N, C-alpha and C. Protein backbone atom coordinates (compact mmCIF):
# COMPACT_ATOMS: atom_id res chain seq x y z
N MET A 1 -14.09 -12.54 -14.03
CA MET A 1 -13.74 -12.20 -12.16
C MET A 1 -15.17 -12.42 -12.06
N ASN A 2 -15.66 -13.04 -11.03
CA ASN A 2 -17.00 -13.26 -10.11
C ASN A 2 -17.93 -12.27 -9.89
N HIS A 3 -18.52 -12.30 -10.25
CA HIS A 3 -19.96 -10.95 -10.13
C HIS A 3 -20.85 -11.54 -9.17
N TYR A 4 -20.79 -11.05 -8.00
CA TYR A 4 -21.94 -11.47 -7.24
C TYR A 4 -23.37 -10.51 -7.53
N ILE A 5 -24.44 -11.05 -7.63
CA ILE A 5 -25.50 -10.69 -7.44
C ILE A 5 -26.52 -10.71 -6.47
N ILE A 6 -26.69 -9.39 -5.64
CA ILE A 6 -27.65 -10.46 -4.42
C ILE A 6 -28.45 -9.35 -4.26
N ASP A 7 -29.66 -10.34 -3.82
CA ASP A 7 -30.82 -10.02 -3.69
C ASP A 7 -31.07 -9.36 -1.85
N GLY A 8 -31.01 -7.86 -1.86
CA GLY A 8 -30.38 -7.43 -0.40
C GLY A 8 -31.65 -7.71 0.15
N ASN A 9 -32.78 -7.35 0.20
CA ASN A 9 -34.57 -7.62 1.18
C ASN A 9 -34.16 -9.00 0.97
N ASN A 10 -33.83 -9.74 0.55
CA ASN A 10 -34.21 -11.22 0.75
C ASN A 10 -32.82 -11.54 1.89
N LEU A 11 -31.41 -10.72 1.45
CA LEU A 11 -30.62 -10.99 2.83
C LEU A 11 -31.13 -10.69 4.24
N ILE A 12 -31.28 -9.18 3.91
CA ILE A 12 -31.66 -8.93 5.23
C ILE A 12 -32.61 -9.56 5.92
N GLY A 13 -33.44 -10.11 5.61
CA GLY A 13 -34.87 -10.81 6.19
C GLY A 13 -33.92 -12.47 6.74
N LYS A 14 -32.80 -12.65 6.15
CA LYS A 14 -32.31 -13.81 6.53
C LYS A 14 -31.52 -13.69 7.83
N ILE A 15 -31.33 -12.25 8.33
CA ILE A 15 -29.99 -12.00 9.06
C ILE A 15 -30.63 -11.55 10.09
N LYS A 16 -31.11 -11.99 11.51
CA LYS A 16 -31.85 -11.99 12.27
C LYS A 16 -31.85 -10.67 12.71
N ASN A 17 -30.51 -9.77 13.15
CA ASN A 17 -30.61 -8.63 13.59
C ASN A 17 -30.79 -7.67 13.19
N LEU A 18 -30.69 -7.50 11.29
CA LEU A 18 -30.80 -6.93 10.63
C LEU A 18 -32.57 -6.76 10.02
N GLN A 19 -33.10 -8.09 10.35
CA GLN A 19 -34.34 -8.17 10.36
C GLN A 19 -35.29 -7.31 10.86
N ASP A 20 -34.61 -7.99 12.55
CA ASP A 20 -35.30 -7.12 13.63
C ASP A 20 -35.01 -5.52 13.35
N LEU A 21 -33.67 -5.15 12.81
CA LEU A 21 -33.47 -3.53 12.75
C LEU A 21 -34.51 -3.18 11.85
N GLN A 22 -34.94 -3.78 10.42
CA GLN A 22 -35.41 -3.29 9.40
C GLN A 22 -36.85 -3.11 9.72
N LYS A 23 -37.48 -3.79 10.35
CA LYS A 23 -38.95 -3.19 11.71
C LYS A 23 -38.62 -1.94 11.82
N LYS A 24 -38.01 -1.82 12.50
CA LYS A 24 -37.84 -0.52 13.14
C LYS A 24 -36.93 0.66 12.16
N ASP A 25 -36.06 0.37 11.55
CA ASP A 25 -35.20 1.57 10.60
C ASP A 25 -35.23 0.98 9.49
N LYS A 26 -35.38 1.17 8.61
CA LYS A 26 -35.06 0.42 7.25
C LYS A 26 -33.59 1.00 6.71
N GLN A 27 -33.68 2.27 6.81
CA GLN A 27 -32.44 2.82 6.36
C GLN A 27 -31.10 1.93 6.87
N GLY A 28 -31.61 2.06 7.95
CA GLY A 28 -30.53 1.22 8.99
C GLY A 28 -30.00 0.05 9.27
N SER A 29 -31.12 -0.63 8.16
CA SER A 29 -30.58 -2.06 8.31
C SER A 29 -30.02 -1.85 6.72
N ARG A 30 -30.29 -0.89 5.96
CA ARG A 30 -29.37 -1.00 4.71
C ARG A 30 -28.28 -0.97 4.91
N ILE A 31 -27.87 0.16 6.35
CA ILE A 31 -26.39 0.79 6.29
C ILE A 31 -25.69 -0.77 6.72
N GLU A 32 -25.86 -1.54 7.99
CA GLU A 32 -25.29 -2.87 8.45
C GLU A 32 -25.33 -3.25 7.31
N LEU A 33 -26.19 -3.96 6.03
CA LEU A 33 -26.05 -4.44 5.36
C LEU A 33 -24.62 -4.22 4.63
N VAL A 34 -24.99 -2.93 4.20
CA VAL A 34 -23.54 -2.98 3.29
C VAL A 34 -22.11 -2.84 4.18
N LYS A 35 -22.18 -2.65 5.30
CA LYS A 35 -21.06 -2.66 6.53
C LYS A 35 -20.72 -4.44 6.12
N LEU A 36 -21.66 -5.02 6.54
CA LEU A 36 -21.30 -6.35 6.48
C LEU A 36 -20.66 -6.52 5.65
N LEU A 37 -21.27 -6.58 3.73
CA LEU A 37 -20.70 -6.77 2.87
C LEU A 37 -19.46 -6.16 1.97
N ASN A 38 -19.33 -4.97 2.52
CA ASN A 38 -18.15 -3.80 2.44
C ASN A 38 -17.01 -5.01 3.27
N ARG A 39 -17.01 -5.19 4.13
CA ARG A 39 -15.93 -5.85 5.14
C ARG A 39 -16.05 -7.49 4.64
N TYR A 40 -16.99 -8.18 4.26
CA TYR A 40 -16.77 -9.84 4.02
C TYR A 40 -16.27 -9.39 2.43
N PHE A 41 -16.14 -8.32 1.57
CA PHE A 41 -15.67 -8.73 0.10
C PHE A 41 -14.11 -7.66 0.44
N GLN A 42 -14.12 -7.02 1.08
CA GLN A 42 -12.85 -6.33 1.20
C GLN A 42 -11.82 -6.84 0.41
N ARG A 43 -10.92 -8.56 0.73
CA ARG A 43 -10.06 -8.37 0.09
C ARG A 43 -10.08 -9.13 -1.06
N LYS A 44 -11.53 -9.34 -1.78
CA LYS A 44 -11.82 -10.39 -2.60
C LYS A 44 -11.72 -9.71 -4.03
N LYS A 45 -11.62 -10.02 -5.19
CA LYS A 45 -11.69 -9.47 -6.60
C LYS A 45 -12.47 -10.15 -6.71
N THR A 46 -13.65 -9.04 -7.15
CA THR A 46 -14.89 -9.45 -7.26
C THR A 46 -15.42 -8.20 -7.85
N ILE A 47 -16.66 -8.61 -8.61
CA ILE A 47 -17.20 -7.45 -8.68
C ILE A 47 -19.34 -7.69 -7.90
N LEU A 48 -19.48 -6.44 -7.38
CA LEU A 48 -20.74 -6.30 -6.57
C LEU A 48 -21.89 -5.69 -7.37
N SER A 49 -23.08 -6.48 -7.09
CA SER A 49 -24.77 -5.69 -7.75
C SER A 49 -25.41 -5.79 -6.41
N LEU A 50 -26.38 -5.05 -5.65
CA LEU A 50 -26.50 -4.84 -4.43
C LEU A 50 -27.89 -4.60 -4.56
N HIS A 51 -28.77 -5.67 -4.78
CA HIS A 51 -30.35 -4.89 -5.78
C HIS A 51 -31.14 -4.66 -4.03
N LEU A 52 -31.81 -2.98 -4.04
CA LEU A 52 -32.63 -3.15 -2.56
C LEU A 52 -33.99 -2.89 -3.25
N ASP A 53 -34.83 -3.26 -2.69
CA ASP A 53 -36.07 -2.26 -2.80
C ASP A 53 -36.39 -1.25 -2.40
N GLY A 54 -37.27 -0.52 -3.56
CA GLY A 54 -37.66 1.07 -3.32
C GLY A 54 -36.80 2.04 -4.04
N TYR A 55 -36.93 3.34 -3.14
CA TYR A 55 -36.07 4.38 -3.28
C TYR A 55 -35.03 4.67 -1.93
N PRO A 56 -33.87 5.19 -2.56
CA PRO A 56 -32.49 5.26 -1.64
C PRO A 56 -32.38 6.41 -1.12
N ASN A 57 -32.52 6.18 0.71
CA ASN A 57 -32.37 7.80 1.40
C ASN A 57 -31.62 8.37 1.52
N GLU A 58 -30.60 7.73 2.05
CA GLU A 58 -29.52 8.59 2.21
C GLU A 58 -28.30 7.51 1.49
N PRO A 59 -27.38 8.64 0.73
CA PRO A 59 -26.48 7.67 -0.17
C PRO A 59 -25.27 6.34 0.27
N LEU A 60 -25.60 5.71 0.03
CA LEU A 60 -25.08 4.67 0.46
C LEU A 60 -23.88 4.09 -0.28
N ALA A 61 -22.80 3.29 -0.35
CA ALA A 61 -21.76 3.04 -1.27
C ALA A 61 -21.00 1.64 -0.98
N ILE A 62 -20.92 0.69 -1.84
CA ILE A 62 -20.40 -0.18 -1.69
C ILE A 62 -18.87 -0.30 -2.37
N SER A 63 -18.10 -0.96 -1.24
CA SER A 63 -16.46 -1.02 -1.96
C SER A 63 -16.42 -1.41 -3.84
N LYS A 64 -17.03 -2.69 -3.55
CA LYS A 64 -16.76 -3.58 -4.95
C LYS A 64 -17.95 -3.65 -6.52
N GLY A 65 -18.29 -2.35 -5.99
CA GLY A 65 -19.46 -2.71 -7.08
C GLY A 65 -20.63 -1.24 -7.19
N LYS A 66 -21.77 -1.49 -6.94
CA LYS A 66 -22.90 -1.01 -7.11
C LYS A 66 -24.31 -1.36 -6.42
N ILE A 67 -24.85 -0.32 -5.66
CA ILE A 67 -26.59 -0.73 -5.24
C ILE A 67 -27.17 -0.13 -6.38
N ILE A 68 -28.34 -1.04 -6.85
CA ILE A 68 -29.00 -0.37 -7.39
C ILE A 68 -30.77 -0.54 -6.87
N TYR A 69 -31.27 0.51 -6.59
CA TYR A 69 -32.40 0.72 -6.13
C TYR A 69 -33.91 0.41 -6.95
N SER A 70 -34.49 -0.28 -6.90
CA SER A 70 -35.57 -0.73 -7.72
C SER A 70 -36.49 -0.34 -7.81
N LYS A 71 -36.81 1.07 -7.29
CA LYS A 71 -37.87 2.57 -7.14
C LYS A 71 -39.46 1.72 -7.52
N ASN A 72 -40.07 1.64 -7.73
CA ASN A 72 -41.41 1.57 -7.67
C ASN A 72 -41.58 0.17 -8.80
N LEU A 73 -40.69 -0.81 -9.20
CA LEU A 73 -40.23 -1.96 -9.45
C LEU A 73 -39.99 -2.79 -8.46
N PRO A 74 -40.32 -4.22 -8.85
CA PRO A 74 -39.99 -5.21 -7.90
C PRO A 74 -38.35 -5.61 -8.48
N SER A 75 -37.67 -5.80 -7.53
CA SER A 75 -36.42 -5.94 -7.73
C SER A 75 -35.76 -7.45 -8.05
N ASP A 76 -36.84 -8.03 -8.54
CA ASP A 76 -36.45 -9.48 -8.88
C ASP A 76 -36.49 -9.12 -10.02
N ASN A 77 -37.18 -8.15 -10.93
CA ASN A 77 -37.47 -7.89 -12.26
C ASN A 77 -35.46 -7.51 -13.06
N LEU A 78 -35.31 -6.44 -12.06
CA LEU A 78 -34.21 -6.00 -12.22
C LEU A 78 -32.67 -6.61 -12.21
N ILE A 79 -32.98 -7.74 -11.03
CA ILE A 79 -32.41 -8.98 -10.99
C ILE A 79 -32.17 -9.48 -12.40
N ARG A 80 -33.48 -9.88 -12.90
CA ARG A 80 -33.57 -11.04 -13.79
C ARG A 80 -32.81 -9.92 -15.52
N ASP A 81 -33.19 -8.91 -15.47
CA ASP A 81 -32.44 -8.03 -16.48
C ASP A 81 -30.71 -8.03 -15.89
N GLU A 82 -31.00 -7.78 -15.47
CA GLU A 82 -29.07 -7.94 -14.99
C GLU A 82 -28.47 -8.78 -15.43
N ILE A 83 -29.27 -10.16 -15.20
CA ILE A 83 -28.19 -11.37 -15.59
C ILE A 83 -28.80 -11.39 -17.05
N ASP A 84 -29.68 -11.26 -17.65
CA ASP A 84 -30.00 -11.27 -19.08
C ASP A 84 -29.09 -10.24 -19.66
N THR A 85 -28.73 -9.26 -19.17
CA THR A 85 -27.58 -8.49 -20.33
C THR A 85 -25.84 -8.81 -19.68
N SER A 86 -25.61 -10.14 -18.60
CA SER A 86 -24.72 -10.06 -18.53
C SER A 86 -23.87 -10.90 -19.64
N LYS A 87 -22.56 -10.53 -19.75
CA LYS A 87 -21.71 -10.93 -21.44
C LYS A 87 -21.49 -12.45 -20.68
N ASN A 88 -21.57 -12.85 -19.39
CA ASN A 88 -21.06 -14.10 -19.50
C ASN A 88 -21.64 -14.95 -17.80
N THR A 89 -22.89 -15.46 -18.07
CA THR A 89 -23.73 -15.69 -17.32
C THR A 89 -22.91 -16.93 -15.69
N ARG A 90 -21.94 -17.62 -16.30
CA ARG A 90 -20.86 -18.36 -15.42
C ARG A 90 -20.46 -17.86 -14.37
N LEU A 91 -19.97 -16.30 -14.54
CA LEU A 91 -19.94 -15.89 -13.97
C LEU A 91 -20.29 -15.34 -12.31
N ILE A 92 -21.44 -15.15 -12.69
CA ILE A 92 -22.44 -14.71 -11.71
C ILE A 92 -23.14 -15.76 -10.68
N ILE A 93 -23.00 -15.28 -9.71
CA ILE A 93 -23.51 -15.60 -8.36
C ILE A 93 -24.35 -14.99 -7.56
N LEU A 94 -25.42 -15.50 -7.67
CA LEU A 94 -26.82 -15.14 -7.39
C LEU A 94 -26.62 -15.34 -5.78
N ILE A 95 -27.26 -14.38 -4.98
CA ILE A 95 -27.30 -14.41 -3.72
C ILE A 95 -29.00 -14.60 -3.30
N THR A 96 -29.73 -15.59 -3.09
CA THR A 96 -31.11 -15.01 -2.87
C THR A 96 -31.90 -16.97 -2.77
N SER A 97 -32.58 -15.83 -1.50
CA SER A 97 -33.53 -17.70 -1.12
C SER A 97 -35.00 -17.22 -2.40
N ASP A 98 -35.04 -16.70 -2.80
CA ASP A 98 -36.43 -16.76 -3.90
C ASP A 98 -36.37 -17.40 -4.84
N ARG A 99 -37.36 -18.33 -4.72
CA ARG A 99 -37.58 -19.50 -5.72
C ARG A 99 -37.84 -19.63 -7.04
N ASN A 100 -37.83 -18.00 -7.20
CA ASN A 100 -38.62 -17.56 -8.93
C ASN A 100 -37.10 -17.56 -9.46
N LEU A 101 -36.66 -16.60 -8.61
CA LEU A 101 -34.99 -15.99 -9.10
C LEU A 101 -33.62 -17.08 -8.77
N MET A 102 -34.19 -17.77 -7.87
CA MET A 102 -33.07 -19.32 -8.04
C MET A 102 -33.21 -20.21 -8.95
N ASN A 103 -34.35 -20.45 -9.45
CA ASN A 103 -34.54 -20.86 -10.74
C ASN A 103 -34.36 -20.50 -11.90
N TYR A 104 -34.59 -18.95 -11.81
CA TYR A 104 -33.89 -18.65 -13.04
C TYR A 104 -32.56 -18.14 -13.34
N GLY A 105 -31.95 -17.90 -12.07
CA GLY A 105 -30.70 -18.01 -11.89
C GLY A 105 -29.89 -19.20 -12.92
N LYS A 106 -30.51 -20.91 -12.05
CA LYS A 106 -30.05 -21.76 -12.71
C LYS A 106 -30.14 -21.79 -13.88
N VAL A 107 -31.10 -21.74 -14.49
CA VAL A 107 -31.23 -21.59 -15.82
C VAL A 107 -30.44 -21.18 -16.81
N CYS A 108 -29.98 -19.54 -16.19
CA CYS A 108 -29.23 -19.20 -16.90
C CYS A 108 -27.56 -19.36 -16.59
N SER A 109 -27.55 -20.39 -16.21
CA SER A 109 -26.21 -20.98 -15.40
C SER A 109 -25.14 -20.34 -14.40
N CYS A 110 -25.91 -19.31 -14.27
CA CYS A 110 -25.19 -18.70 -12.27
C CYS A 110 -25.18 -19.89 -11.50
N THR A 111 -23.96 -19.39 -10.80
CA THR A 111 -24.43 -20.14 -9.77
C THR A 111 -24.74 -19.61 -8.48
N VAL A 112 -26.07 -20.55 -7.99
CA VAL A 112 -26.98 -19.73 -7.08
C VAL A 112 -26.98 -20.25 -5.90
N ILE A 113 -26.82 -19.23 -4.40
CA ILE A 113 -26.71 -19.92 -3.13
C ILE A 113 -27.20 -19.06 -2.46
N LYS A 114 -28.10 -19.69 -1.79
CA LYS A 114 -28.87 -19.57 -0.68
C LYS A 114 -29.03 -18.24 0.55
N SER A 115 -29.70 -17.02 0.16
CA SER A 115 -29.15 -16.26 1.19
C SER A 115 -28.65 -16.35 1.86
N GLU A 116 -29.15 -17.43 3.27
CA GLU A 116 -29.26 -18.04 4.59
C GLU A 116 -27.92 -18.81 4.77
N ASP A 117 -27.21 -19.13 3.46
CA ASP A 117 -25.82 -20.33 3.07
C ASP A 117 -25.15 -19.02 3.14
N PHE A 118 -25.39 -18.19 2.28
CA PHE A 118 -24.13 -17.08 1.94
C PHE A 118 -24.13 -16.21 3.35
N PHE A 119 -24.99 -16.19 4.10
CA PHE A 119 -24.83 -15.43 5.66
C PHE A 119 -23.56 -16.73 6.90
N ARG A 120 -24.35 -17.55 6.92
CA ARG A 120 -23.33 -18.41 7.34
C ARG A 120 -21.37 -18.26 7.18
N SER A 121 -21.60 -18.19 5.33
CA SER A 121 -20.46 -18.18 5.06
C SER A 121 -19.84 -17.22 5.21
N ILE A 122 -20.69 -16.04 5.56
CA ILE A 122 -19.76 -14.22 5.88
C ILE A 122 -19.61 -14.25 7.50
N GLU A 123 -20.46 -15.43 8.08
CA GLU A 123 -20.40 -14.96 9.96
C GLU A 123 -18.62 -16.04 9.91
N ASN A 124 -18.54 -16.77 9.02
CA ASN A 124 -17.42 -18.01 9.68
C ASN A 124 -16.16 -17.35 9.24
N THR A 125 -16.30 -16.02 8.05
CA THR A 125 -15.18 -15.47 7.68
C THR A 125 -14.41 -14.47 8.44
N VAL A 126 -15.72 -13.98 9.30
CA VAL A 126 -15.53 -12.29 9.88
C VAL A 126 -14.82 -13.35 11.42
N VAL A 127 -15.44 -14.86 11.54
CA VAL A 127 -14.95 -15.35 13.18
C VAL A 127 -13.38 -15.59 12.86
N ASN A 128 -13.02 -15.99 11.75
CA ASN A 128 -11.43 -16.15 11.42
C ASN A 128 -10.73 -15.08 11.07
N ASP A 129 -11.65 -14.02 10.60
CA ASP A 129 -10.62 -12.87 10.89
C ASP A 129 -10.08 -12.25 12.21
N ASP A 130 -11.31 -12.09 13.17
CA ASP A 130 -11.21 -11.45 14.18
C ASP A 130 -10.08 -12.25 14.46
N GLU A 131 -10.04 -13.56 14.99
CA GLU A 131 -9.11 -14.69 15.52
C GLU A 131 -7.53 -14.62 14.78
N GLU A 132 -7.79 -13.80 13.45
CA GLU A 132 -6.10 -13.82 12.95
C GLU A 132 -5.81 -12.55 13.57
N GLN A 133 -6.41 -11.51 13.52
CA GLN A 133 -6.29 -10.20 14.26
C GLN A 133 -5.69 -10.38 15.18
N LYS A 134 -6.65 -11.33 16.58
CA LYS A 134 -6.22 -11.87 17.74
C LYS A 134 -4.60 -11.85 17.80
N ILE A 135 -4.35 -12.95 17.32
CA ILE A 135 -2.78 -13.71 17.15
C ILE A 135 -2.65 -12.57 16.79
N LYS A 136 -2.02 -12.21 16.13
CA LYS A 136 -1.26 -11.03 15.25
C LYS A 136 -1.00 -10.05 16.41
N GLN A 137 -1.90 -9.58 17.34
CA GLN A 137 -1.78 -8.38 17.97
C GLN A 137 -0.89 -9.22 19.44
N LEU A 138 -1.66 -10.70 19.68
CA LEU A 138 -0.69 -11.21 20.70
C LEU A 138 1.01 -11.49 20.33
N GLU A 139 1.30 -11.97 19.28
CA GLU A 139 2.23 -11.84 18.40
C GLU A 139 3.39 -10.90 18.72
N LYS A 140 2.97 -9.61 18.59
CA LYS A 140 3.38 -8.16 18.53
C LYS A 140 3.98 -7.72 19.77
N GLU A 141 2.82 -8.10 20.65
CA GLU A 141 2.79 -7.97 22.36
C GLU A 141 3.97 -9.00 22.61
N ARG A 142 4.39 -9.99 22.14
CA ARG A 142 5.18 -11.53 23.05
C ARG A 142 6.41 -10.66 22.70
N GLY A 143 6.91 -9.68 21.27
CA GLY A 143 7.56 -9.52 20.80
C GLY A 143 7.77 -8.08 21.78
N GLU A 144 7.02 -7.40 21.88
CA GLU A 144 7.48 -5.96 22.61
C GLU A 144 7.92 -6.60 24.15
N PHE A 145 7.85 -7.62 24.79
CA PHE A 145 8.09 -8.40 26.03
C PHE A 145 9.02 -8.92 25.96
N GLU A 146 9.59 -9.57 25.16
CA GLU A 146 10.70 -10.15 24.68
C GLU A 146 12.16 -9.05 25.08
N LYS A 147 11.57 -7.55 24.11
CA LYS A 147 12.33 -6.68 23.92
C LYS A 147 12.90 -5.75 25.52
N LEU A 148 11.58 -5.88 26.22
CA LEU A 148 11.37 -5.34 27.41
C LEU A 148 12.42 -6.27 28.43
N PHE A 149 12.14 -7.57 28.52
CA PHE A 149 12.78 -8.17 29.30
C PHE A 149 14.06 -9.12 29.09
N GLY A 150 14.11 -8.49 27.70
CA GLY A 150 15.72 -9.34 27.15
C GLY A 150 15.66 -10.27 26.87
N LEU A 151 14.89 -11.25 26.46
CA LEU A 151 14.32 -12.41 26.43
C LEU A 151 14.79 -13.22 24.66
């Protein structure tokens, strides 16, 4: 099973609305990121580690894994530690745009995806999911009209 390790603050910095929100409300940007990731990974069989800088404020939960707060350490160190202790680094998909982490992940045989590229794939998935839901709703309504009017 694939294991996504996400550099959360780096990802927030690549999503315009979360980046703007973080300037005003750090916890709010974390909450919105967790919602986005929960929605994206909802139907995927995967494990997820979301690394965030600093200390937890309000408890947050990610459905497919865990949130790791760096407290007073750089989260990059904790990400490296997680890669180092992994049983199979080839199953790790590292999401970051930090050059040092990207290079470290590549040397350790991880798949590395830039944060901005990962966000684009999230956006595409969300748009496709919304379209599928609209199509299902229209098909349901069509069936109701056919029953009403005997078509």
